[in-house]
């Protein structure tokens, strides 16, 4: 609990320091925003990598699926339908992340220009 309070105080002090410094120098506020955007982009890119790995795994399972091993054609068809749905869902998530990343990169480029 003590560590939590120390961390909370550190975060509050850190935030106060940024606010105090940004009042002195407006460039620090812009720099802080740039840093936050870069961190957000990094997190989103990591999420996209994880999604791409899941897509690759689903594609691999689909390629390796064998109707004879599954017992009947209906089970095989259901498996392929579920795999297609999952790949489509993951692809949509990846697309949405790409759009968000592009927007943040545009915002970042505008901030860095100034």
N, C-alpha and C. Protein backbone atom coordinates (compact mmCIF):
# COMPACT_ATOMS: atom_id res chain seq x y z
N UNK A 1 0.83 -1.18 0.00
CA UNK A 1 0.00 0.00 0.00
C UNK A 1 0.88 1.25 0.00
N UNK A 2 1.98 1.17 0.73
CA UNK A 2 2.88 2.31 0.80
C UNK A 2 3.48 2.61 -0.57
N UNK A 3 3.85 1.54 -1.30
CA UNK A 3 4.38 1.73 -2.66
C UNK A 3 3.35 2.38 -3.56
N UNK A 4 2.10 1.97 -3.41
CA UNK A 4 1.02 2.56 -4.21
C UNK A 4 0.92 4.05 -3.94
N UNK A 5 0.97 4.43 -2.67
CA UNK A 5 0.88 5.85 -2.31
C UNK A 5 2.09 6.63 -2.83
N UNK A 6 3.28 6.01 -2.75
CA UNK A 6 4.48 6.67 -3.27
C UNK A 6 4.33 6.90 -4.78
N UNK A 7 3.85 5.87 -5.48
CA UNK A 7 3.67 5.97 -6.92
C UNK A 7 2.63 7.04 -7.25
N UNK A 8 1.56 7.07 -6.48
CA UNK A 8 0.50 8.06 -6.68
C UNK A 8 1.06 9.47 -6.47
N UNK A 9 1.85 9.64 -5.41
CA UNK A 9 2.46 10.94 -5.13
C UNK A 9 3.45 11.31 -6.23
N UNK A 10 4.22 10.33 -6.70
CA UNK A 10 5.18 10.58 -7.76
C UNK A 10 4.45 11.05 -9.03
N UNK A 11 3.35 10.35 -9.36
CA UNK A 11 2.59 10.74 -10.54
C UNK A 11 2.02 12.14 -10.38
N UNK A 12 1.51 12.46 -9.21
CA UNK A 12 0.96 13.79 -8.96
C UNK A 12 2.06 14.84 -9.07
N UNK A 13 3.21 14.56 -8.46
CA UNK A 13 4.33 15.50 -8.54
C UNK A 13 4.82 15.65 -9.97
N UNK A 14 4.88 14.54 -10.68
CA UNK A 14 5.32 14.57 -12.07
C UNK A 14 4.37 15.41 -12.91
N UNK A 15 3.07 15.20 -12.70
CA UNK A 15 2.06 15.98 -13.43
C UNK A 15 2.18 17.46 -13.07
N UNK A 16 2.35 17.75 -11.78
CA UNK A 16 2.51 19.14 -11.35
C UNK A 16 3.75 19.76 -11.96
N UNK A 17 4.83 18.99 -12.04
CA UNK A 17 6.07 19.49 -12.63
C UNK A 17 5.86 19.85 -14.09
N UNK A 18 5.17 18.97 -14.82
CA UNK A 18 4.88 19.27 -16.22
C UNK A 18 4.06 20.55 -16.34
N UNK A 19 3.04 20.66 -15.49
CA UNK A 19 2.18 21.84 -15.55
C UNK A 19 2.96 23.11 -15.22
N UNK A 20 3.79 23.04 -14.20
CA UNK A 20 4.59 24.21 -13.83
C UNK A 20 5.56 24.58 -14.94
N UNK A 21 6.23 23.58 -15.49
CA UNK A 21 7.19 23.85 -16.56
C UNK A 21 6.51 24.35 -17.82
N UNK A 22 5.32 23.81 -18.11
CA UNK A 22 4.64 24.24 -19.33
C UNK A 22 4.15 25.68 -19.21
N UNK A 23 3.89 26.13 -17.98
CA UNK A 23 3.53 27.54 -17.79
C UNK A 23 4.74 28.42 -18.09
N UNK A 24 5.91 27.93 -17.77
CA UNK A 24 7.13 28.68 -18.02
C UNK A 24 7.48 28.60 -19.51
N UNK A 25 7.39 27.42 -20.09
CA UNK A 25 7.78 27.20 -21.48
C UNK A 25 6.69 26.41 -22.21
N UNK A 26 5.94 27.06 -23.09
CA UNK A 26 4.86 26.36 -23.81
C UNK A 26 5.37 25.21 -24.68
N UNK A 27 6.64 25.25 -25.06
CA UNK A 27 7.20 24.16 -25.86
C UNK A 27 7.21 22.85 -25.09
N UNK A 28 7.31 22.93 -23.77
CA UNK A 28 7.30 21.71 -22.96
C UNK A 28 5.94 21.01 -23.03
N UNK A 29 4.88 21.79 -23.07
CA UNK A 29 3.54 21.21 -23.19
C UNK A 29 3.42 20.49 -24.53
N UNK A 30 3.92 21.11 -25.58
CA UNK A 30 3.90 20.50 -26.91
C UNK A 30 4.77 19.25 -26.91
N UNK A 31 5.93 19.33 -26.27
CA UNK A 31 6.83 18.17 -26.19
C UNK A 31 6.17 17.02 -25.43
N UNK A 32 5.45 17.36 -24.38
CA UNK A 32 4.75 16.34 -23.60
C UNK A 32 3.68 15.66 -24.46
N UNK A 33 2.96 16.46 -25.24
CA UNK A 33 1.92 15.92 -26.11
C UNK A 33 2.54 15.02 -27.19
N UNK A 34 3.67 15.44 -27.74
CA UNK A 34 4.38 14.64 -28.74
C UNK A 34 4.79 13.30 -28.14
N UNK A 35 5.32 13.33 -26.94
CA UNK A 35 5.75 12.11 -26.25
C UNK A 35 4.56 11.17 -26.01
N UNK A 36 3.43 11.74 -25.60
CA UNK A 36 2.23 10.92 -25.36
C UNK A 36 1.73 10.28 -26.65
N UNK A 37 1.77 11.03 -27.74
CA UNK A 37 1.33 10.50 -29.03
C UNK A 37 2.25 9.37 -29.48
N UNK A 38 3.54 9.56 -29.33
CA UNK A 38 4.51 8.52 -29.71
C UNK A 38 4.28 7.24 -28.90
N UNK A 39 4.02 7.40 -27.60
CA UNK A 39 3.74 6.24 -26.75
C UNK A 39 2.47 5.53 -27.20
N UNK A 40 1.44 6.30 -27.52
CA UNK A 40 0.17 5.72 -27.96
C UNK A 40 0.37 4.97 -29.28
N UNK A 41 1.11 5.57 -30.21
CA UNK A 41 1.40 4.90 -31.49
C UNK A 41 2.13 3.59 -31.25
N UNK A 42 3.11 3.61 -30.37
CA UNK A 42 3.87 2.40 -30.05
C UNK A 42 2.97 1.30 -29.50
N UNK A 43 2.07 1.66 -28.59
CA UNK A 43 1.14 0.68 -28.02
C UNK A 43 0.22 0.11 -29.09
N UNK A 44 -0.30 0.98 -29.96
CA UNK A 44 -1.20 0.52 -31.02
C UNK A 44 -0.48 -0.38 -32.01
N UNK A 45 0.77 -0.05 -32.33
CA UNK A 45 1.55 -0.90 -33.23
C UNK A 45 1.79 -2.27 -32.61
N UNK A 46 2.02 -2.32 -31.31
CA UNK A 46 2.21 -3.59 -30.62
C UNK A 46 0.92 -4.41 -30.67
N UNK A 47 -0.22 -3.76 -30.44
CA UNK A 47 -1.51 -4.45 -30.53
C UNK A 47 -1.72 -5.01 -31.93
N UNK A 48 -1.35 -4.23 -32.95
CA UNK A 48 -1.52 -4.68 -34.32
C UNK A 48 -0.62 -5.88 -34.62
N UNK A 49 0.59 -5.89 -34.09
CA UNK A 49 1.48 -7.04 -34.27
C UNK A 49 0.86 -8.30 -33.67
N UNK A 50 0.26 -8.15 -32.49
CA UNK A 50 -0.38 -9.29 -31.83
C UNK A 50 -1.57 -9.79 -32.65
N UNK A 51 -2.34 -8.87 -33.21
CA UNK A 51 -3.48 -9.25 -34.04
C UNK A 51 -2.99 -9.95 -35.31
N UNK A 52 -1.94 -9.43 -35.92
CA UNK A 52 -1.39 -10.06 -37.13
C UNK A 52 -0.91 -11.48 -36.83
N UNK A 53 -0.33 -11.68 -35.66
CA UNK A 53 0.11 -13.03 -35.27
C UNK A 53 -1.10 -13.96 -35.12
N UNK A 54 -2.20 -13.45 -34.56
CA UNK A 54 -3.41 -14.25 -34.42
C UNK A 54 -3.99 -14.60 -35.79
N UNK A 55 -3.95 -13.65 -36.72
CA UNK A 55 -4.44 -13.91 -38.08
C UNK A 55 -3.60 -15.00 -38.73
N UNK A 56 -2.29 -14.90 -38.60
CA UNK A 56 -1.40 -15.90 -39.19
C UNK A 56 -1.66 -17.29 -38.59
N UNK A 57 -1.91 -17.33 -37.29
CA UNK A 57 -2.20 -18.61 -36.63
C UNK A 57 -3.51 -19.20 -37.16
N UNK A 58 -4.53 -18.35 -37.31
CA UNK A 58 -5.82 -18.82 -37.84
C UNK A 58 -5.67 -19.31 -39.28
N UNK A 59 -4.89 -18.60 -40.08
CA UNK A 59 -4.65 -19.04 -41.46
C UNK A 59 -3.91 -20.38 -41.49
N UNK A 60 -2.95 -20.53 -40.60
CA UNK A 60 -2.18 -21.79 -40.53
C UNK A 60 -3.11 -22.95 -40.16
N UNK A 61 -3.96 -22.73 -39.16
CA UNK A 61 -4.90 -23.78 -38.75
C UNK A 61 -5.86 -24.13 -39.88
N UNK A 62 -6.28 -23.12 -40.62
CA UNK A 62 -7.20 -23.35 -41.74
C UNK A 62 -6.52 -24.18 -42.83
N UNK A 63 -5.27 -23.85 -43.14
CA UNK A 63 -4.53 -24.61 -44.16
C UNK A 63 -4.29 -26.06 -43.72
N UNK A 64 -4.06 -26.24 -42.43
CA UNK A 64 -3.74 -27.57 -41.92
C UNK A 64 -4.98 -28.42 -41.65
N UNK A 65 -6.15 -27.80 -41.67
CA UNK A 65 -7.38 -28.53 -41.37
C UNK A 65 -7.63 -29.61 -42.42
N UNK A 66 -8.09 -30.76 -41.94
CA UNK A 66 -8.33 -31.89 -42.83
C UNK A 66 -9.73 -32.42 -42.54
N UNK A 67 -10.57 -32.44 -43.57
CA UNK A 67 -11.95 -32.88 -43.37
C UNK A 67 -12.03 -34.33 -42.91
N UNK A 68 -11.11 -35.16 -43.36
CA UNK A 68 -11.13 -36.57 -42.97
C UNK A 68 -10.82 -36.74 -41.48
N UNK A 69 -9.92 -35.91 -40.96
CA UNK A 69 -9.57 -36.00 -39.54
C UNK A 69 -10.69 -35.46 -38.65
N UNK A 70 -11.52 -34.57 -39.19
CA UNK A 70 -12.60 -33.98 -38.39
C UNK A 70 -13.82 -34.89 -38.33
N UNK A 71 -13.85 -35.90 -39.11
CA UNK A 71 -14.93 -36.86 -39.01
C UNK A 71 -15.99 -36.71 -40.07
N UNK A 72 -16.47 -35.50 -40.31
CA UNK A 72 -17.48 -35.33 -41.34
C UNK A 72 -17.36 -33.95 -41.99
N UNK A 73 -18.00 -33.82 -43.12
CA UNK A 73 -17.90 -32.60 -43.91
C UNK A 73 -18.53 -31.41 -43.19
N UNK A 74 -19.59 -31.65 -42.43
CA UNK A 74 -20.27 -30.55 -41.73
C UNK A 74 -19.37 -29.93 -40.66
N UNK A 75 -18.68 -30.76 -39.91
CA UNK A 75 -17.76 -30.24 -38.89
C UNK A 75 -16.65 -29.43 -39.55
N UNK A 76 -16.15 -29.95 -40.65
CA UNK A 76 -15.09 -29.26 -41.39
C UNK A 76 -15.59 -27.91 -41.91
N UNK A 77 -16.79 -27.90 -42.47
CA UNK A 77 -17.39 -26.66 -42.97
C UNK A 77 -17.61 -25.65 -41.87
N UNK A 78 -18.10 -26.12 -40.73
CA UNK A 78 -18.31 -25.23 -39.58
C UNK A 78 -16.99 -24.65 -39.09
N UNK A 79 -15.96 -25.49 -39.06
CA UNK A 79 -14.64 -25.02 -38.63
C UNK A 79 -14.14 -23.92 -39.57
N UNK A 80 -14.25 -24.15 -40.87
CA UNK A 80 -13.79 -23.16 -41.84
C UNK A 80 -14.59 -21.86 -41.73
N UNK A 81 -15.90 -21.98 -41.51
CA UNK A 81 -16.74 -20.78 -41.35
C UNK A 81 -16.31 -19.98 -40.13
N UNK A 82 -16.07 -20.67 -39.02
CA UNK A 82 -15.62 -19.98 -37.80
C UNK A 82 -14.26 -19.33 -38.00
N UNK A 83 -13.37 -20.05 -38.68
CA UNK A 83 -12.03 -19.50 -38.94
C UNK A 83 -12.13 -18.27 -39.83
N UNK A 84 -12.96 -18.33 -40.87
CA UNK A 84 -13.14 -17.17 -41.76
C UNK A 84 -13.69 -15.98 -40.98
N UNK A 85 -14.66 -16.25 -40.11
CA UNK A 85 -15.25 -15.17 -39.30
C UNK A 85 -14.18 -14.55 -38.40
N UNK A 86 -13.39 -15.39 -37.77
CA UNK A 86 -12.35 -14.90 -36.86
C UNK A 86 -11.30 -14.08 -37.61
N UNK A 87 -10.90 -14.56 -38.77
CA UNK A 87 -9.91 -13.83 -39.57
C UNK A 87 -10.48 -12.48 -40.00
N UNK A 88 -11.74 -12.47 -40.41
CA UNK A 88 -12.38 -11.22 -40.81
C UNK A 88 -12.48 -10.25 -39.63
N UNK A 89 -12.83 -10.76 -38.47
CA UNK A 89 -12.95 -9.92 -37.27
C UNK A 89 -11.59 -9.32 -36.90
N UNK A 90 -10.57 -10.15 -36.92
CA UNK A 90 -9.22 -9.67 -36.59
C UNK A 90 -8.71 -8.68 -37.63
N UNK A 91 -9.02 -8.94 -38.89
CA UNK A 91 -8.60 -8.02 -39.96
C UNK A 91 -9.25 -6.65 -39.78
N UNK A 92 -10.51 -6.65 -39.37
CA UNK A 92 -11.20 -5.38 -39.12
C UNK A 92 -10.55 -4.63 -37.95
N UNK A 93 -10.19 -5.36 -36.90
CA UNK A 93 -9.50 -4.73 -35.77
C UNK A 93 -8.18 -4.13 -36.22
N UNK A 94 -7.45 -4.87 -37.04
CA UNK A 94 -6.16 -4.40 -37.54
C UNK A 94 -6.35 -3.15 -38.39
N UNK A 95 -7.37 -3.15 -39.22
CA UNK A 95 -7.66 -1.98 -40.06
C UNK A 95 -7.96 -0.76 -39.18
N UNK A 96 -8.80 -0.95 -38.18
CA UNK A 96 -9.15 0.16 -37.28
C UNK A 96 -7.92 0.70 -36.56
N UNK A 97 -7.04 -0.19 -36.14
CA UNK A 97 -5.79 0.26 -35.50
C UNK A 97 -4.94 1.05 -36.49
N UNK A 98 -4.88 0.58 -37.73
CA UNK A 98 -4.09 1.28 -38.75
C UNK A 98 -4.63 2.69 -39.00
N UNK A 99 -5.95 2.81 -39.03
CA UNK A 99 -6.56 4.13 -39.22
C UNK A 99 -6.22 5.03 -38.04
N UNK A 100 -6.32 4.49 -36.83
CA UNK A 100 -6.01 5.29 -35.64
C UNK A 100 -4.53 5.70 -35.62
N UNK A 101 -3.66 4.77 -35.99
CA UNK A 101 -2.22 5.07 -36.04
C UNK A 101 -1.95 6.16 -37.07
N UNK A 102 -2.58 6.06 -38.23
CA UNK A 102 -2.38 7.08 -39.27
C UNK A 102 -2.81 8.45 -38.79
N UNK A 103 -3.95 8.51 -38.10
CA UNK A 103 -4.42 9.78 -37.56
C UNK A 103 -3.45 10.36 -36.55
N UNK A 104 -2.93 9.51 -35.68
CA UNK A 104 -1.97 9.97 -34.68
C UNK A 104 -0.66 10.41 -35.33
N UNK A 105 -0.23 9.68 -36.35
CA UNK A 105 1.00 10.07 -37.05
C UNK A 105 0.84 11.42 -37.75
N UNK A 106 -0.35 11.66 -38.30
CA UNK A 106 -0.62 12.96 -38.93
C UNK A 106 -0.58 14.06 -37.87
N UNK A 107 -1.25 13.81 -36.75
CA UNK A 107 -1.25 14.79 -35.66
C UNK A 107 0.17 15.05 -35.17
N UNK A 108 0.94 13.99 -35.06
CA UNK A 108 2.33 14.10 -34.61
C UNK A 108 3.16 14.93 -35.60
N UNK A 109 2.97 14.68 -36.88
CA UNK A 109 3.74 15.44 -37.88
C UNK A 109 3.39 16.92 -37.81
N UNK A 110 2.13 17.24 -37.56
CA UNK A 110 1.73 18.65 -37.45
C UNK A 110 2.34 19.29 -36.20
N UNK A 111 2.37 18.56 -35.11
CA UNK A 111 2.98 19.09 -33.88
C UNK A 111 4.47 19.29 -34.05
N UNK A 112 5.13 18.36 -34.72
CA UNK A 112 6.58 18.45 -34.89
C UNK A 112 6.97 19.55 -35.88
N UNK A 113 6.06 19.90 -36.80
CA UNK A 113 6.33 20.98 -37.74
C UNK A 113 6.43 22.33 -37.04
N UNK A 114 5.62 22.50 -36.03
CA UNK A 114 5.55 23.81 -35.35
C UNK A 114 6.67 24.03 -34.39
